[in-house]
């Protein structure tokens, strides 16, 4: 279909704008834990570089130095000091330094938000919890947090081993089926940070990304209140048609839209899909063109995913369906 070619072209030309300039890099820390990890990395890089330079110096002397210097390299004192004492002292010092870092220590502050993140093939289920552990709201592939506040993530997996990593904010932590690991996130200031599954988990592992959106506490609180609500009632004939197409094509067997008969749990909750910045686990920006391309060509974009390609829609029906889904904010 010609419109599918146009949609795919729009999708890939828009893709670079997803992260708003923030690189996915552990060397660009934007939070306390990431800063501590970066400090450890730079100390290890620097120490390793210095040792490497010394080794090269000795190698140069052994190969090209004057005879007196070369013979000095075989002295017993130098061999024991450089080959035994120095490595033990240097590595012990680095070990003590690393384990004394605040990146390893436990943060004693109470978390202001608790979020359950479940890794699935190949996307992320995100549920915001109250103090009793009950779900307040559910979304997917996007984690919103209040900047300047500690946030606890409860990480698990529904199928295979995944690994949660948002390098600008924290280190890696495995997500294991039947087990919950806890990770503390802290963003210094508002921003958008890309994350990635860091454990090979199958064919689409490379396309299992997500975004962390750090907002001001007031903006986050307002957003969460909206997420708790059911989907808005369609106010236009086009949107009503789109909702009916969603229900008639049995999309609700996999997806939930609260406030409608759709109550599926196999795929992401779509109640507020229109407010998300990306689709398909962070691989494309969320706009009507990319959404239509995902609906009609999911298996072309992400082969092996559980989302089938729905090619039966006419252009008018596809426009109505995407308009309805984009209206869910």
Protein backbone atom coordinates (compact mmCIF):
# COMPACT_ATOMS: atom_id res chain seq x y z
CA UNK A 1 0.00 0.00 0.00
CA UNK A 2 1.42 3.46 -0.89
CA UNK A 3 0.36 4.99 2.42
CA UNK A 4 2.43 2.41 4.31
CA UNK A 5 5.57 3.47 2.42
CA UNK A 6 4.84 7.10 3.29
CA UNK A 7 4.25 6.23 6.95
CA UNK A 8 7.50 4.29 7.21
CA UNK A 9 9.42 7.18 5.67
CA UNK A 10 7.88 9.63 8.16
CA UNK A 11 8.72 7.28 10.99
CA UNK A 12 12.42 7.01 10.26
CA UNK A 13 12.91 10.71 9.51
CA UNK A 14 11.34 11.57 12.89
CA UNK A 15 13.22 8.95 14.91
CA UNK A 16 16.32 11.00 15.95
CA UNK A 17 14.20 13.45 17.98
CA UNK A 18 13.26 10.91 20.63
CA UNK A 19 15.74 11.75 23.38
CA UNK A 20 15.85 15.54 23.06
CA UNK A 21 19.66 15.66 22.96
CA UNK A 22 20.46 13.45 25.96
CA UNK A 23 22.97 10.72 25.09
CA UNK A 24 22.69 7.22 26.53
CA UNK A 25 26.06 7.24 28.27
CA UNK A 26 27.36 6.24 31.67
CA UNK A 27 29.96 9.00 31.26
CA UNK A 28 27.23 11.67 31.21
CA UNK A 29 25.77 11.21 34.71
CA UNK A 30 22.58 13.06 35.58
CA UNK A 31 21.94 11.54 39.00
CA UNK A 32 23.73 10.71 42.25
CA UNK A 33 24.18 6.99 41.62
CA UNK A 34 25.33 7.51 38.06
CA UNK A 35 27.77 10.20 39.21
CA UNK A 36 29.32 7.79 41.72
CA UNK A 37 29.63 5.09 39.07
CA UNK A 38 31.24 7.56 36.66
CA UNK A 39 33.76 8.60 39.34
CA UNK A 40 34.73 4.96 39.89
CA UNK A 41 35.07 4.47 36.14
CA UNK A 42 37.35 7.49 35.73
CA UNK A 43 39.54 6.41 38.66
CA UNK A 44 39.89 2.92 37.18
CA UNK A 45 40.53 4.29 33.69
CA UNK A 46 43.18 6.69 35.01
CA UNK A 47 44.85 4.09 37.21
CA UNK A 48 44.83 1.53 34.43
CA UNK A 49 46.24 4.09 31.99
CA UNK A 50 49.10 4.99 34.32
CA UNK A 51 49.97 1.33 34.92
CA UNK A 52 49.81 0.63 31.20
CA UNK A 53 52.18 3.53 30.52
CA UNK A 54 54.65 2.19 33.12
CA UNK A 55 54.50 -1.29 31.57
CA UNK A 56 55.19 0.21 28.13
CA UNK A 57 58.13 2.14 29.58
CA UNK A 58 59.65 -1.04 31.00
CA UNK A 59 58.97 -2.83 27.71
CA UNK A 60 60.76 -0.07 25.83
CA UNK A 61 63.74 -0.31 28.17
CA UNK A 62 63.85 -4.10 27.77
CA UNK A 63 63.82 -3.84 23.98
CA UNK A 64 65.76 -0.69 23.24
CA UNK A 65 67.41 0.50 26.47
CA UNK A 66 71.09 0.68 27.22
CA UNK A 67 72.58 -2.56 28.64
CA UNK A 68 72.82 -1.24 32.23
CA UNK A 69 69.13 -0.32 32.27
CA UNK A 70 68.13 -3.62 30.73
CA UNK A 71 70.10 -5.60 33.29
CA UNK A 72 68.47 -3.60 36.10
CA UNK A 73 65.06 -4.98 35.10
CA UNK A 74 66.17 -8.43 36.24
CA UNK A 75 66.97 -7.36 39.79
CA UNK A 76 65.18 -9.40 42.46
CA UNK A 77 63.94 -6.31 44.30
CA UNK A 78 62.28 -4.88 41.18
CA UNK A 79 60.63 -8.18 40.28
CA UNK A 80 59.16 -8.66 43.75
CA UNK A 81 58.22 -5.01 44.19
CA UNK A 82 56.71 -4.52 40.74
CA UNK A 83 55.32 -8.00 40.22
CA UNK A 84 53.96 -8.82 43.70
CA UNK A 85 53.87 -5.91 46.14
CA UNK A 86 52.63 -3.22 43.75
CA UNK A 87 49.68 -5.25 42.30
CA UNK A 88 48.56 -6.33 45.78
CA UNK A 89 48.68 -2.78 47.17
CA UNK A 90 47.13 -1.14 44.09
CA UNK A 91 44.30 -3.64 43.65
CA UNK A 92 43.53 -3.66 47.39
CA UNK A 93 43.34 0.14 47.41
CA UNK A 94 41.01 0.13 44.39
CA UNK A 95 38.84 -2.54 46.01
CA UNK A 96 38.48 -0.53 49.22
CA UNK A 97 37.77 2.63 47.23
CA UNK A 98 35.11 0.95 45.10
CA UNK A 99 33.24 -0.65 47.99
CA UNK A 100 33.35 2.57 50.00
CA UNK A 101 31.68 4.49 47.16
CA UNK A 102 28.15 5.78 47.63
CA UNK A 103 27.20 3.85 44.48
CA UNK A 104 27.60 0.63 46.49
CA UNK A 105 26.17 1.87 49.78
CA UNK A 106 22.45 1.84 50.52
CA UNK A 107 20.55 5.12 50.30
CA UNK A 108 18.86 5.66 53.66
CA UNK A 109 16.32 8.15 52.34
CA UNK A 110 12.72 6.99 51.97
CA UNK A 111 11.55 6.69 48.40
CA UNK A 112 8.78 9.08 47.38
CA UNK A 113 7.60 6.84 44.53
CA UNK A 114 7.57 3.05 44.07
CA UNK A 115 7.37 1.64 40.54
CA UNK A 116 7.17 -1.98 39.45
CA UNK A 117 8.91 -2.66 36.12
CA UNK A 118 8.44 -6.05 34.45
CA UNK A 119 10.54 -7.09 31.48
CA UNK A 120 8.65 -8.92 28.74
CA UNK A 121 9.41 -10.04 25.18
CA UNK A 122 10.29 -7.33 24.09
CA UNK A 123 8.87 -4.43 26.07
CA UNK A 124 8.50 -3.05 29.60
CA UNK A 125 5.37 -3.15 31.76
CA UNK A 126 5.38 -0.23 34.22
CA UNK A 127 3.04 -0.05 37.24
CA UNK A 128 2.96 2.75 39.82
CA UNK A 129 2.31 1.43 43.33
CA UNK A 130 0.84 2.84 46.51
CA UNK A 131 2.32 2.19 49.94
CA UNK A 132 0.45 -1.12 50.22
CA UNK A 133 1.81 -2.33 46.88
CA UNK A 134 -1.45 -1.90 44.97
CA UNK A 135 -1.31 -0.57 41.41
CA UNK A 136 -2.34 3.06 40.98
CA UNK A 137 -1.74 3.18 37.23
CA UNK A 138 -0.14 1.14 34.47
CA UNK A 139 1.79 2.24 31.42
CA UNK A 140 4.51 0.79 29.20
CA UNK A 141 8.03 1.48 27.90
CA UNK A 142 8.19 4.82 29.71
CA UNK A 143 8.97 5.66 33.32
CA UNK A 144 8.13 9.08 34.74
CA UNK A 145 9.75 10.15 37.98
CA UNK A 146 9.89 13.34 40.04
CA UNK A 147 13.28 15.04 39.67
CA UNK A 148 15.16 15.63 42.91
CA UNK A 149 13.38 12.75 44.68
CA UNK A 150 14.52 9.17 45.32
CA UNK A 151 12.48 6.58 43.44
CA UNK A 152 12.50 2.82 44.06
CA UNK A 153 12.11 0.45 41.14
CA UNK A 154 10.97 -3.13 41.77
CA UNK A 155 12.40 -5.11 38.86
CA UNK A 156 11.24 -8.53 37.72
CA UNK A 157 10.66 -10.51 34.53
CA UNK A 158 7.70 -12.37 33.10
CA UNK A 159 9.62 -14.68 30.79
CA UNK A 160 13.45 -14.70 30.43
CA UNK A 161 16.31 -12.83 32.12
CA UNK A 162 16.41 -9.15 31.17
CA UNK A 163 18.67 -6.41 32.51
CA UNK A 164 17.49 -2.89 33.33
CA UNK A 165 19.94 -0.11 32.50
CA UNK A 166 19.49 3.64 32.22
CA UNK A 167 23.17 4.66 32.27
CA UNK A 168 22.64 8.39 32.85
CA UNK A 169 20.88 7.66 36.14
CA UNK A 170 22.03 4.31 37.59
CA UNK A 171 23.87 1.05 37.01
CA UNK A 172 22.61 -2.23 35.57
CA UNK A 173 20.45 -4.67 37.47
CA UNK A 174 19.16 -8.04 36.30
CA UNK A 175 15.45 -8.80 36.04
CA UNK A 176 14.79 -12.43 36.97
CA UNK A 177 11.56 -14.44 36.60
CA UNK A 178 10.00 -15.08 39.99
CA UNK A 179 12.34 -12.69 41.82
CA UNK A 180 12.25 -8.96 42.59
CA UNK A 181 15.39 -6.80 42.58
CA UNK A 182 15.34 -3.22 43.85
CA UNK A 183 17.03 -0.29 42.16
CA UNK A 184 17.16 3.31 43.40
CA UNK A 185 16.79 6.05 40.75
CA UNK A 186 17.55 9.71 41.36
CA UNK A 187 17.55 12.43 38.71
CA UNK A 188 19.19 15.73 39.58
CA UNK A 189 16.99 17.77 37.23
CA UNK A 190 14.18 17.31 34.70
CA UNK A 191 15.18 15.57 31.49
CA UNK A 192 14.60 12.61 29.17
CA UNK A 193 16.98 9.66 29.49
CA UNK A 194 17.13 6.60 27.29
CA UNK A 195 17.48 3.13 28.77
CA UNK A 196 18.07 -0.30 27.30
CA UNK A 197 17.85 -3.99 28.10
CA UNK A 198 21.47 -4.95 28.79
CA UNK A 199 21.03 -8.75 28.83
CA UNK A 200 20.55 -10.65 25.58
CA UNK A 201 16.95 -11.85 25.74
CA UNK A 202 16.07 -12.98 22.23
CA UNK A 203 15.65 -11.86 18.64
CA UNK A 204 14.52 -8.28 19.39
CA UNK A 205 16.82 -7.60 22.34
CA UNK A 206 18.40 -4.66 20.50
CA UNK A 207 14.95 -3.07 20.08
CA UNK A 208 13.97 -3.30 23.74
CA UNK A 209 14.53 0.26 24.88
CA UNK A 210 12.66 2.66 27.16
CA UNK A 211 12.74 6.27 28.33
CA UNK A 212 12.87 7.77 31.80
CA UNK A 213 11.21 11.18 31.96
CA UNK A 214 12.23 13.17 35.02
CA UNK A 215 9.76 15.99 35.70
CA UNK A 216 9.22 18.58 38.39
CA UNK A 217 7.37 17.06 41.37
CA UNK A 218 4.23 19.09 40.57
CA UNK A 219 4.21 18.02 36.93
CA UNK A 220 4.75 14.40 37.92
CA UNK A 221 1.90 14.49 40.46
CA UNK A 222 -0.45 16.00 37.86
CA UNK A 223 0.57 13.40 35.29
CA UNK A 224 0.03 10.52 37.73
CA UNK A 225 -3.47 11.75 38.58
CA UNK A 226 -4.36 11.67 34.88
CA UNK A 227 -2.89 8.18 34.53
CA UNK A 228 -5.18 6.91 37.28
CA UNK A 229 -8.26 7.88 35.28
CA UNK A 230 -10.06 5.82 32.65
CA UNK A 231 -9.76 6.68 28.98
CA UNK A 232 -11.65 9.81 27.90
CA UNK A 233 -14.94 9.32 26.08
CA UNK A 234 -14.62 10.03 22.33
CA UNK A 235 -16.10 13.42 21.49
CA UNK A 236 -16.04 13.20 17.67
CA UNK A 237 -17.52 10.76 15.13
CA UNK A 238 -14.04 9.90 13.84
CA UNK A 239 -12.89 8.91 17.33
CA UNK A 240 -16.07 6.92 17.97
CA UNK A 241 -15.43 5.03 14.75
CA UNK A 242 -11.84 4.38 15.80
CA UNK A 243 -12.88 2.98 19.16
CA UNK A 244 -15.41 0.67 17.50
CA UNK A 245 -12.74 -0.56 15.08
CA UNK A 246 -10.44 -1.26 18.04
CA UNK A 247 -13.12 -3.34 19.74
CA UNK A 248 -14.44 -5.05 16.60
CA UNK A 249 -10.97 -6.25 15.59
CA UNK A 250 -10.50 -7.86 19.01
CA UNK A 251 -7.53 -5.67 19.97
CA UNK A 252 -8.87 -5.83 23.52
CA UNK A 253 -7.85 -9.46 23.81
CA UNK A 254 -4.24 -8.32 24.24
CA UNK A 255 -4.57 -4.65 25.23
CA UNK A 256 -6.52 -2.87 27.93
CA UNK A 257 -8.17 0.52 27.64
CA UNK A 258 -9.74 1.29 30.98
CA UNK A 259 -13.31 2.51 30.63
CA UNK A 260 -13.97 0.22 27.65
CA UNK A 261 -14.62 -3.54 27.33
CA UNK A 262 -10.96 -3.98 26.29
CA UNK A 263 -9.24 -5.68 29.23
CA UNK A 264 -6.37 -7.70 27.73
CA UNK A 265 -3.18 -8.19 29.70
CA UNK A 266 -0.80 -9.80 27.18
CA UNK A 267 0.26 -6.48 25.67
CA UNK A 268 0.77 -2.93 26.93
CA UNK A 269 -2.05 -1.01 28.57
CA UNK A 270 -3.16 1.63 26.04
CA UNK A 271 -5.42 3.74 28.29
CA UNK A 272 -3.21 6.82 27.86
CA UNK A 273 -1.17 5.78 24.84
CA UNK A 274 -1.30 9.23 23.24
CA UNK A 275 0.70 10.79 26.08
CA UNK A 276 3.75 8.55 25.52
CA UNK A 277 6.76 9.81 23.58
CA UNK A 278 7.63 6.55 21.83
CA UNK A 279 6.19 3.31 20.49
CA UNK A 280 7.32 -0.32 20.26
CA UNK A 281 9.61 -0.15 23.32
CA UNK A 282 11.35 3.10 22.46
CA UNK A 283 12.32 2.37 18.86
CA UNK A 284 10.14 5.02 17.11
CA UNK A 285 8.57 8.34 18.19
CA UNK A 286 4.85 8.37 18.94
CA UNK A 287 2.90 10.20 16.24
CA UNK A 288 -0.01 9.24 13.93
CA UNK A 289 2.31 8.14 11.13
CA UNK A 290 4.48 5.83 13.22
CA UNK A 291 1.44 4.47 15.07
CA UNK A 292 -0.24 3.55 11.78
CA UNK A 293 3.01 1.98 10.54
CA UNK A 294 3.24 -0.09 13.74
CA UNK A 295 -0.37 -1.29 13.46
CA UNK A 296 0.00 -2.39 9.84
CA UNK A 297 3.63 -3.52 9.88
CA UNK A 298 4.59 -4.59 13.38
CA UNK A 299 6.20 -7.80 12.14
CA UNK A 300 8.27 -5.84 9.64
CA UNK A 301 9.53 -3.44 12.32
CA UNK A 302 9.95 -5.99 15.09
CA UNK A 303 9.90 -9.56 13.70
CA UNK A 304 8.93 -12.18 16.24
CA UNK A 305 7.10 -9.81 18.58
CA UNK A 306 3.64 -10.80 19.79
CA UNK A 307 2.05 -7.87 17.96
CA UNK A 308 0.67 -9.11 14.60
CA UNK A 309 0.57 -6.91 11.52
CA UNK A 310 -3.02 -5.78 10.80
CA UNK A 311 -3.14 -5.16 7.06
CA UNK A 312 -6.90 -5.39 6.63
CA UNK A 313 -7.66 -1.73 7.35
CA UNK A 314 -8.55 0.71 4.60
CA UNK A 315 -6.88 4.12 4.68
CA UNK A 316 -10.00 5.71 6.21
CA UNK A 317 -10.33 3.01 8.87
CA UNK A 318 -6.63 3.23 9.71
CA UNK A 319 -6.90 7.01 10.06
CA UNK A 320 -9.87 6.64 12.42
CA UNK A 321 -8.14 3.97 14.53
CA UNK A 322 -4.91 5.93 14.89
CA UNK A 323 -6.83 9.14 15.63
CA UNK A 324 -8.65 7.37 18.46
CA UNK A 325 -5.49 5.87 19.94
CA UNK A 326 -3.66 9.21 19.72
CA UNK A 327 -6.57 10.86 21.56
CA UNK A 328 -5.96 8.66 24.62
CA UNK A 329 -4.05 11.13 26.76
